[in-house]
Amino acid sequence: MLTLYPAIDLHQGQVVRLQQGDLARQTRYATDPAAIARQWLSEGAQWLHVVNLDGAFGHDDAANRKALQAILREANRRGARVQFGGGLRSLEAIANALAMGVHRVVLGTLAARQPEVVAEALGRWGPDRIAVGIDARDGRVQVSGWAEATDLEAVAFAQRLAATGLRTVIFTDIARDGLQTGLALEATVALQRASGLAVIASGGVASLDDIRAASQAGLAGVIVGRALYEGAFTVAEALQALA
């Protein structure tokens, strides 16, 4: 069954959503990330997807780290899990996040630039605790908070990751992220089929139909952000649609 991941994107300790990964095009939704976590968890979420935007962009992320600790406390109270990414660019950073109580880390820039470190992380912590975010624009992988393009082609990158023993990737179509224009379902499903990985779709969810389509397509999960914050549907309604 598809897993729903309500998103909590952190910038300077507050909850925001960006459009197409652009810090200049952000909407602030809350000043208390723990309260948002409580809301999604009270509606039945079993996972939260937390992104440290300041870490991803190489900015001071002390406020986001404090917010993450508060979110983790809320998750622990309800027996839920947190998936966390943004700025994790060393084995030490991964170890610190897992020690805090994060269940699964999401690696992006590190995976693209130093894939051997991903293999080492998998060997140390196992495939249940390590995921890779494949963020693509026009089929090409982007890094450093989506600010830099690479020559990596998304499907080929996923196939190489699968060969390391990785099981889970989060695929984001940057062109759709934060715009509620619908999932890039065809590209996401194609990446899952070509790589054999469990793929979590991210970017563009607008309605419960997107959730149902992702489930019917056999994807492993879907991350939902702006649609929840702007009231298109609730976590409870999304879970009911999946049931």
C-alpha atoms as a PDB file:
ATOM      1  CA  MET A   1       0.000   0.000   0.000  1.00  0.00           C
ATOM      2  CA  LEU A   2       1.204   3.487  -0.836  1.00  0.00           C
ATOM      3  CA  THR A   3       2.554   5.511   2.101  1.00  0.00           C
ATOM      4  CA  LEU A   4       1.504   9.128   2.555  1.00  0.00           C
ATOM      5  CA  TYR A   5       4.245  11.567   3.603  1.00  0.00           C
ATOM      6  CA  PRO A   6       2.975  14.984   4.719  1.00  0.00           C
ATOM      7  CA  ALA A   7       5.811  17.455   4.145  1.00  0.00           C
ATOM      8  CA  ILE A   8       7.245  19.937   6.620  1.00  0.00           C
ATOM      9  CA  ASP A   9       9.775  22.169   4.865  1.00  0.00           C
ATOM     10  CA  LEU A  10      11.858  24.245   7.267  1.00  0.00           C
ATOM     11  CA  HIS A  11      13.404  27.653   6.611  1.00  0.00           C
ATOM     12  CA  GLN A  12      14.844  29.587   9.561  1.00  0.00           C
ATOM     13  CA  GLY A  13      12.849  27.369  11.907  1.00  0.00           C
ATOM     14  CA  GLN A  14       9.500  28.077  10.240  1.00  0.00           C
ATOM     15  CA  VAL A  15       7.280  26.031   7.936  1.00  0.00           C
ATOM     16  CA  VAL A  16       7.347  27.198   4.334  1.00  0.00           C
ATOM     17  CA  ARG A  17       6.734  25.887   0.840  1.00  0.00           C
ATOM     18  CA  LEU A  18       8.780  26.932  -2.154  1.00  0.00           C
ATOM     19  CA  GLN A  19       7.743  27.088  -5.779  1.00  0.00           C
ATOM     20  CA  GLN A  20      10.119  25.088  -7.977  1.00  0.00           C
ATOM     21  CA  GLY A  21      12.747  25.127  -5.234  1.00  0.00           C
ATOM     22  CA  ASP A  22      13.189  28.918  -5.336  1.00  0.00           C
ATOM     23  CA  LEU A  23      13.741  30.582  -1.931  1.00  0.00           C
ATOM     24  CA  ALA A  24      12.569  33.859  -3.427  1.00  0.00           C
ATOM     25  CA  ARG A  25       9.189  32.260  -4.176  1.00  0.00           C
ATOM     26  CA  GLN A  26       8.212  30.975  -0.764  1.00  0.00           C
ATOM     27  CA  THR A  27       5.024  30.993   1.270  1.00  0.00           C
ATOM     28  CA  ARG A  28       5.248  30.833   5.044  1.00  0.00           C
ATOM     29  CA  TYR A  29       2.559  28.631   6.561  1.00  0.00           C
ATOM     30  CA  ALA A  30       3.471  28.340  10.232  1.00  0.00           C
ATOM     31  CA  THR A  31       5.910  29.536  12.849  1.00  0.00           C
ATOM     32  CA  ASP A  32       5.517  26.383  14.979  1.00  0.00           C
ATOM     33  CA  PRO A  33       6.652  23.254  13.104  1.00  0.00           C
ATOM     34  CA  ALA A  34       5.794  21.001  16.058  1.00  0.00           C
ATOM     35  CA  ALA A  35       2.160  22.144  15.873  1.00  0.00           C
ATOM     36  CA  ILE A  36       2.041  21.218  12.186  1.00  0.00           C
ATOM     37  CA  ALA A  37       3.511  17.812  13.026  1.00  0.00           C
ATOM     38  CA  ARG A  38       0.850  17.311  15.705  1.00  0.00           C
ATOM     39  CA  GLN A  39      -1.871  18.185  13.215  1.00  0.00           C
ATOM     40  CA  TRP A  40      -0.723  15.738  10.523  1.00  0.00           C
ATOM     41  CA  LEU A  41      -0.120  12.990  13.100  1.00  0.00           C
ATOM     42  CA  SER A  42      -3.492  13.526  14.786  1.00  0.00           C
ATOM     43  CA  GLU A  43      -5.135  12.975  11.400  1.00  0.00           C
ATOM     44  CA  GLY A  44      -3.446   9.597  11.073  1.00  0.00           C
ATOM     45  CA  ALA A  45      -0.097  10.162   9.355  1.00  0.00           C
ATOM     46  CA  GLN A  46       2.446   7.453  10.158  1.00  0.00           C
ATOM     47  CA  TRP A  47       5.350   9.271   8.490  1.00  0.00           C
ATOM     48  CA  LEU A  48       6.470  12.884   8.202  1.00  0.00           C
ATOM     49  CA  HIS A  49       8.796  14.144   5.463  1.00  0.00           C
ATOM     50  CA  VAL A  50      10.949  16.940   6.882  1.00  0.00           C
ATOM     51  CA  VAL A  51      13.254  19.057   4.721  1.00  0.00           C
ATOM     52  CA  ASN A  52      16.018  21.309   6.039  1.00  0.00           C
ATOM     53  CA  LEU A  53      15.994  23.944   3.302  1.00  0.00           C
ATOM     54  CA  ASP A  54      18.733  26.017   4.910  1.00  0.00           C
ATOM     55  CA  GLY A  55      20.973  22.966   5.075  1.00  0.00           C
ATOM     56  CA  ALA A  56      20.269  22.203   1.431  1.00  0.00           C
ATOM     57  CA  PHE A  57      21.291  25.724   0.405  1.00  0.00           C
ATOM     58  CA  GLY A  58      24.346  25.747   2.662  1.00  0.00           C
ATOM     59  CA  HIS A  59      22.932  28.347   5.069  1.00  0.00           C
ATOM     60  CA  ASP A  60      22.933  28.421   8.871  1.00  0.00           C
ATOM     61  CA  ASP A  61      20.439  25.734   9.908  1.00  0.00           C
ATOM     62  CA  ALA A  62      20.535  25.912  13.718  1.00  0.00           C
ATOM     63  CA  ALA A  63      16.872  26.969  13.914  1.00  0.00           C
ATOM     64  CA  ASN A  64      15.835  24.096  11.661  1.00  0.00           C
ATOM     65  CA  ARG A  65      17.733  21.599  13.798  1.00  0.00           C
ATOM     66  CA  LYS A  66      15.861  22.823  16.861  1.00  0.00           C
ATOM     67  CA  ALA A  67      12.564  22.520  14.969  1.00  0.00           C
ATOM     68  CA  LEU A  68      13.471  18.980  13.902  1.00  0.00           C
ATOM     69  CA  GLN A  69      13.998  17.982  17.530  1.00  0.00           C
ATOM     70  CA  ALA A  70      10.517  19.259  18.388  1.00  0.00           C
ATOM     71  CA  ILE A  71       9.000  17.397  15.432  1.00  0.00           C
ATOM     72  CA  LEU A  72      10.757  14.199  16.478  1.00  0.00           C
ATOM     73  CA  ARG A  73       9.303  14.488  19.976  1.00  0.00           C
ATOM     74  CA  GLU A  74       5.807  14.712  18.505  1.00  0.00           C
ATOM     75  CA  ALA A  75       6.441  11.708  16.250  1.00  0.00           C
ATOM     76  CA  ASN A  76       7.813   9.643  19.125  1.00  0.00           C
ATOM     77  CA  ARG A  77       4.712  10.322  21.203  1.00  0.00           C
ATOM     78  CA  ARG A  78       2.560   8.788  18.482  1.00  0.00           C
ATOM     79  CA  GLY A  79       4.868   6.011  17.325  1.00  0.00           C
ATOM     80  CA  ALA A  80       5.318   7.672  13.923  1.00  0.00           C
ATOM     81  CA  ARG A  81       8.464   7.970  11.815  1.00  0.00           C
ATOM     82  CA  VAL A  82      10.353  10.890  10.339  1.00  0.00           C
ATOM     83  CA  GLN A  83      12.106  10.961   6.985  1.00  0.00           C
ATOM     84  CA  PHE A  84      14.603  13.827   6.887  1.00  0.00           C
ATOM     85  CA  GLY A  85      16.812  15.423   4.254  1.00  0.00           C
ATOM     86  CA  GLY A  86      18.591  18.623   3.337  1.00  0.00           C
ATOM     87  CA  GLY A  87      22.286  19.326   3.753  1.00  0.00           C
ATOM     88  CA  LEU A  88      23.331  15.817   4.798  1.00  0.00           C
ATOM     89  CA  ARG A  89      26.681  15.735   3.011  1.00  0.00           C
ATOM     90  CA  SER A  90      28.877  13.471   5.162  1.00  0.00           C
ATOM     91  CA  LEU A  91      28.717  10.218   7.099  1.00  0.00           C
ATOM     92  CA  GLU A  92      28.955  12.269  10.286  1.00  0.00           C
ATOM     93  CA  ALA A  93      25.882  14.307   9.331  1.00  0.00           C
ATOM     94  CA  ILE A  94      23.970  11.113   8.584  1.00  0.00           C
ATOM     95  CA  ALA A  95      25.015   9.592  11.905  1.00  0.00           C
ATOM     96  CA  ASN A  96      23.950  12.716  13.796  1.00  0.00           C
ATOM     97  CA  ALA A  97      20.517  12.773  12.175  1.00  0.00           C
ATOM     98  CA  LEU A  98      19.889   9.106  12.917  1.00  0.00           C
ATOM     99  CA  ALA A  99      21.111   9.565  16.488  1.00  0.00           C
ATOM    100  CA  MET A 100      18.551  12.344  16.931  1.00  0.00           C
ATOM    101  CA  GLY A 101      15.788   9.866  16.141  1.00  0.00           C
ATOM    102  CA  VAL A 102      15.277  10.294  12.404  1.00  0.00           C
ATOM    103  CA  HIS A 103      14.189   6.951  10.978  1.00  0.00           C
ATOM    104  CA  ARG A 104      15.324   7.504   7.394  1.00  0.00           C
ATOM    105  CA  VAL A 105      17.675  10.092   5.932  1.00  0.00           C
ATOM    106  CA  VAL A 106      17.392  11.394   2.388  1.00  0.00           C
ATOM    107  CA  LEU A 107      20.661  12.101   0.580  1.00  0.00           C
ATOM    108  CA  GLY A 108      20.804  14.345  -2.475  1.00  0.00           C
ATOM    109  CA  THR A 109      23.951  16.245  -3.369  1.00  0.00           C
ATOM    110  CA  LEU A 110      26.119  13.700  -1.551  1.00  0.00           C
ATOM    111  CA  ALA A 111      24.678  10.835  -3.597  1.00  0.00           C
ATOM    112  CA  ALA A 112      25.238  12.639  -6.886  1.00  0.00           C
ATOM    113  CA  ARG A 113      28.784  13.729  -6.133  1.00  0.00           C
ATOM    114  CA  GLN A 114      30.074  10.915  -3.919  1.00  0.00           C
ATOM    115  CA  PRO A 115      28.071   7.748  -4.618  1.00  0.00           C
ATOM    116  CA  GLU A 116      30.699   5.694  -2.814  1.00  0.00           C
ATOM    117  CA  VAL A 117      29.608   7.368   0.425  1.00  0.00           C
ATOM    118  CA  VAL A 118      26.043   6.168  -0.182  1.00  0.00           C
ATOM    119  CA  ALA A 119      27.349   2.614  -0.489  1.00  0.00           C
ATOM    120  CA  GLU A 120      29.265   3.049   2.772  1.00  0.00           C
ATOM    121  CA  ALA A 121      26.183   4.450   4.505  1.00  0.00           C
ATOM    122  CA  LEU A 122      24.112   1.507   3.301  1.00  0.00           C
ATOM    123  CA  GLY A 123      26.701  -0.869   4.667  1.00  0.00           C
ATOM    124  CA  ARG A 124      26.736   0.898   8.017  1.00  0.00           C
ATOM    125  CA  TRP A 125      23.031   1.547   8.598  1.00  0.00           C
ATOM    126  CA  GLY A 126      21.153  -0.609   6.083  1.00  0.00           C
ATOM    127  CA  PRO A 127      18.714   0.203   3.261  1.00  0.00           C
ATOM    128  CA  ASP A 128      15.770   0.891   5.576  1.00  0.00           C
ATOM    129  CA  ARG A 129      17.549   3.950   6.985  1.00  0.00           C
ATOM    130  CA  ILE A 130      18.996   5.452   3.792  1.00  0.00           C
ATOM    131  CA  ALA A 131      17.145   6.950   0.816  1.00  0.00           C
ATOM    132  CA  VAL A 132      18.266   9.154  -2.047  1.00  0.00           C
ATOM    133  CA  GLY A 133      16.416  12.138  -3.434  1.00  0.00           C
ATOM    134  CA  ILE A 134      16.530  12.374  -7.206  1.00  0.00           C
ATOM    135  CA  ASP A 135      15.530  15.925  -8.065  1.00  0.00           C
ATOM    136  CA  ALA A 136      15.264  16.433 -11.797  1.00  0.00           C
ATOM    137  CA  ARG A 137      14.591  19.205 -14.253  1.00  0.00           C
ATOM    138  CA  ASP A 138      14.066  18.068 -17.861  1.00  0.00           C
ATOM    139  CA  GLY A 139      15.339  14.626 -16.872  1.00  0.00           C
ATOM    140  CA  ARG A 140      18.653  15.897 -15.448  1.00  0.00           C
ATOM    141  CA  VAL A 141      19.594  15.664 -11.790  1.00  0.00           C
ATOM    142  CA  GLN A 142      19.925  18.938  -9.859  1.00  0.00           C
ATOM    143  CA  VAL A 143      21.945  19.406  -6.642  1.00  0.00           C
ATOM    144  CA  SER A 144      22.760  21.993  -3.946  1.00  0.00           C
ATOM    145  CA  GLY A 145      19.152  22.848  -3.221  1.00  0.00           C
ATOM    146  CA  TRP A 146      18.323  22.513  -6.928  1.00  0.00           C
ATOM    147  CA  ALA A 147      20.619  25.432  -7.669  1.00  0.00           C
ATOM    148  CA  GLU A 148      23.122  23.457  -9.763  1.00  0.00           C
ATOM    149  CA  ALA A 149      22.576  21.181 -12.745  1.00  0.00           C
ATOM    150  CA  THR A 150      24.563  17.992 -13.302  1.00  0.00           C
ATOM    151  CA  ASP A 151      25.158  15.801 -16.325  1.00  0.00           C
ATOM    152  CA  LEU A 152      23.435  12.886 -14.600  1.00  0.00           C
ATOM    153  CA  GLU A 153      20.349  11.508 -16.283  1.00  0.00           C
ATOM    154  CA  ALA A 154      17.733  10.629 -13.668  1.00  0.00           C
ATOM    155  CA  VAL A 155      16.903   7.069 -14.772  1.00  0.00           C
ATOM    156  CA  ALA A 156      20.538   6.090 -15.279  1.00  0.00           C
ATOM    157  CA  PHE A 157      21.371   7.552 -11.862  1.00  0.00           C
ATOM    158  CA  ALA A 158      18.589   5.504 -10.260  1.00  0.00           C
ATOM    159  CA  GLN A 159      19.866   2.350 -11.907  1.00  0.00           C
ATOM    160  CA  ARG A 160      23.368   2.970 -10.557  1.00  0.00           C
ATOM    161  CA  LEU A 161      21.965   3.557  -7.088  1.00  0.00           C
ATOM    162  CA  ALA A 162      20.029   0.297  -7.234  1.00  0.00           C
ATOM    163  CA  ALA A 163      23.286  -1.522  -7.927  1.00  0.00           C
ATOM    164  CA  THR A 164      24.669  -0.251  -4.592  1.00  0.00           C
ATOM    165  CA  GLY A 165      21.875  -1.947  -2.637  1.00  0.00           C
ATOM    166  CA  LEU A 166      19.721   1.139  -2.198  1.00  0.00           C
ATOM    167  CA  ARG A 167      15.991   0.426  -2.016  1.00  0.00           C
ATOM    168  CA  THR A 168      14.219   3.780  -1.799  1.00  0.00           C
ATOM    169  CA  VAL A 169      14.337   7.018  -3.773  1.00  0.00           C
ATOM    170  CA  ILE A 170      12.266  10.173  -3.681  1.00  0.00           C
ATOM    171  CA  PHE A 171      11.718  11.501  -7.189  1.00  0.00           C
ATOM    172  CA  THR A 172      10.857  15.176  -7.589  1.00  0.00           C
ATOM    173  CA  ASP A 173       9.990  16.887 -10.843  1.00  0.00           C
ATOM    174  CA  ILE A 174      11.258  20.375  -9.974  1.00  0.00           C
ATOM    175  CA  ALA A 175       9.138  21.995 -12.666  1.00  0.00           C
ATOM    176  CA  ARG A 176       6.010  20.907 -10.786  1.00  0.00           C
ATOM    177  CA  ASP A 177       7.105  21.282  -7.192  1.00  0.00           C
ATOM    178  CA  GLY A 178       4.934  23.594  -5.114  1.00  0.00           C
ATOM    179  CA  LEU A 179       2.635  24.448  -8.025  1.00  0.00           C
ATOM    180  CA  GLN A 180      -0.192  21.918  -7.511  1.00  0.00           C
ATOM    181  CA  THR A 181      -0.236  21.087 -11.211  1.00  0.00           C
ATOM    182  CA  GLY A 182      -0.411  17.313 -10.702  1.00  0.00           C
ATOM    183  CA  LEU A 183       2.245  14.648 -10.289  1.00  0.00           C
ATOM    184  CA  ALA A 184       4.729  13.828 -13.031  1.00  0.00           C
ATOM    185  CA  LEU A 185       3.248  10.341 -12.875  1.00  0.00           C
ATOM    186  CA  GLU A 186       4.527   8.975 -16.173  1.00  0.00           C
ATOM    187  CA  ALA A 187       8.150   9.927 -15.490  1.00  0.00           C
ATOM    188  CA  THR A 188       7.967   8.682 -11.907  1.00  0.00           C
ATOM    189  CA  VAL A 189       6.539   5.308 -12.867  1.00  0.00           C
ATOM    190  CA  ALA A 190       9.084   4.967 -15.673  1.00  0.00           C
ATOM    191  CA  LEU A 191      11.914   5.574 -13.203  1.00  0.00           C
ATOM    192  CA  GLN A 192      10.518   2.950 -10.815  1.00  0.00           C
ATOM    193  CA  ARG A 193      10.172   0.366 -13.578  1.00  0.00           C
ATOM    194  CA  ALA A 194      13.616   1.029 -15.025  1.00  0.00           C
ATOM    195  CA  SER A 195      15.418   0.911 -11.679  1.00  0.00           C
ATOM    196  CA  GLY A 196      13.433  -1.615  -9.667  1.00  0.00           C
ATOM    197  CA  LEU A 197      13.588   0.781  -6.711  1.00  0.00           C
ATOM    198  CA  ALA A 198      10.720   1.748  -4.433  1.00  0.00           C
ATOM    199  CA  VAL A 199       9.909   5.266  -5.609  1.00  0.00           C
ATOM    200  CA  ILE A 200       8.219   7.963  -3.548  1.00  0.00           C
ATOM    201  CA  ALA A 201       6.658  10.630  -5.763  1.00  0.00           C
ATOM    202  CA  SER A 202       7.079  14.294  -4.901  1.00  0.00           C
ATOM    203  CA  GLY A 203       6.036  17.557  -6.476  1.00  0.00           C
ATOM    204  CA  GLY A 204       2.737  18.822  -7.810  1.00  0.00           C
ATOM    205  CA  VAL A 205       0.062  16.929  -5.866  1.00  0.00           C
ATOM    206  CA  ALA A 206      -3.150  18.895  -6.288  1.00  0.00           C
ATOM    207  CA  SER A 207      -6.041  16.596  -5.433  1.00  0.00           C
ATOM    208  CA  LEU A 208      -7.069  13.239  -4.051  1.00  0.00           C
ATOM    209  CA  ASP A 209      -7.075  11.985  -7.640  1.00  0.00           C
ATOM    210  CA  ASP A 210      -3.280  12.419  -7.676  1.00  0.00           C
ATOM    211  CA  ILE A 211      -3.036  10.306  -4.515  1.00  0.00           C
ATOM    212  CA  ARG A 212      -5.245   7.592  -5.986  1.00  0.00           C
ATOM    213  CA  ALA A 213      -3.329   7.612  -9.281  1.00  0.00           C
ATOM    214  CA  ALA A 214      -0.002   7.193  -7.487  1.00  0.00           C
ATOM    215  CA  SER A 215      -1.410   4.250  -5.552  1.00  0.00           C
ATOM    216  CA  GLN A 216      -2.924   2.616  -8.629  1.00  0.00           C
ATOM    217  CA  ALA A 217       0.401   3.010 -10.450  1.00  0.00           C
ATOM    218  CA  GLY A 218       2.140   0.974  -7.760  1.00  0.00           C
ATOM    219  CA  LEU A 219       4.379   3.709  -6.389  1.00  0.00           C
ATOM    220  CA  ALA A 220       5.780   3.241  -2.897  1.00  0.00           C
ATOM    221  CA  GLY A 221       4.672   6.596  -1.547  1.00  0.00           C
ATOM    222  CA  VAL A 222       3.725  10.180  -2.227  1.00  0.00           C
ATOM    223  CA  ILE A 223       4.831  13.399  -0.526  1.00  0.00           C
ATOM    224  CA  VAL A 224       2.170  16.070  -0.111  1.00  0.00           C
ATOM    225  CA  GLY A 225       2.836  19.666   0.842  1.00  0.00           C
ATOM    226  CA  ARG A 226       1.018  22.708  -0.502  1.00  0.00           C
ATOM    227  CA  ALA A 227      -2.240  20.830  -1.122  1.00  0.00           C
ATOM    228  CA  LEU A 228      -2.472  20.085   2.615  1.00  0.00           C
ATOM    229  CA  TYR A 229      -1.463  23.565   3.729  1.00  0.00           C
ATOM    230  CA  GLU A 230      -3.973  25.239   1.443  1.00  0.00           C
ATOM    231  CA  GLY A 231      -6.848  22.926   2.322  1.00  0.00           C
ATOM    232  CA  ALA A 232      -7.307  20.993  -0.922  1.00  0.00           C
ATOM    233  CA  PHE A 233      -7.797  17.948   1.305  1.00  0.00           C
ATOM    234  CA  THR A 234      -6.755  16.709   4.742  1.00  0.00           C
ATOM    235  CA  VAL A 235      -4.400  13.927   5.748  1.00  0.00           C
ATOM    236  CA  ALA A 236      -7.413  11.994   6.992  1.00  0.00           C
ATOM    237  CA  GLU A 237      -9.173  12.366   3.641  1.00  0.00           C
ATOM    238  CA  ALA A 238      -6.040  11.237   1.770  1.00  0.00           C
ATOM    239  CA  LEU A 239      -5.730   8.159   3.939  1.00  0.00           C
ATOM    240  CA  GLN A 240      -9.414   7.391   3.429  1.00  0.00           C
ATOM    241  CA  ALA A 241      -8.966   7.693  -0.338  1.00  0.00           C
ATOM    242  CA  LEU A 242      -6.145   5.154  -0.154  1.00  0.00           C
ATOM    243  CA  ALA A 243      -8.229   2.802   1.988  1.00  0.00           C
END
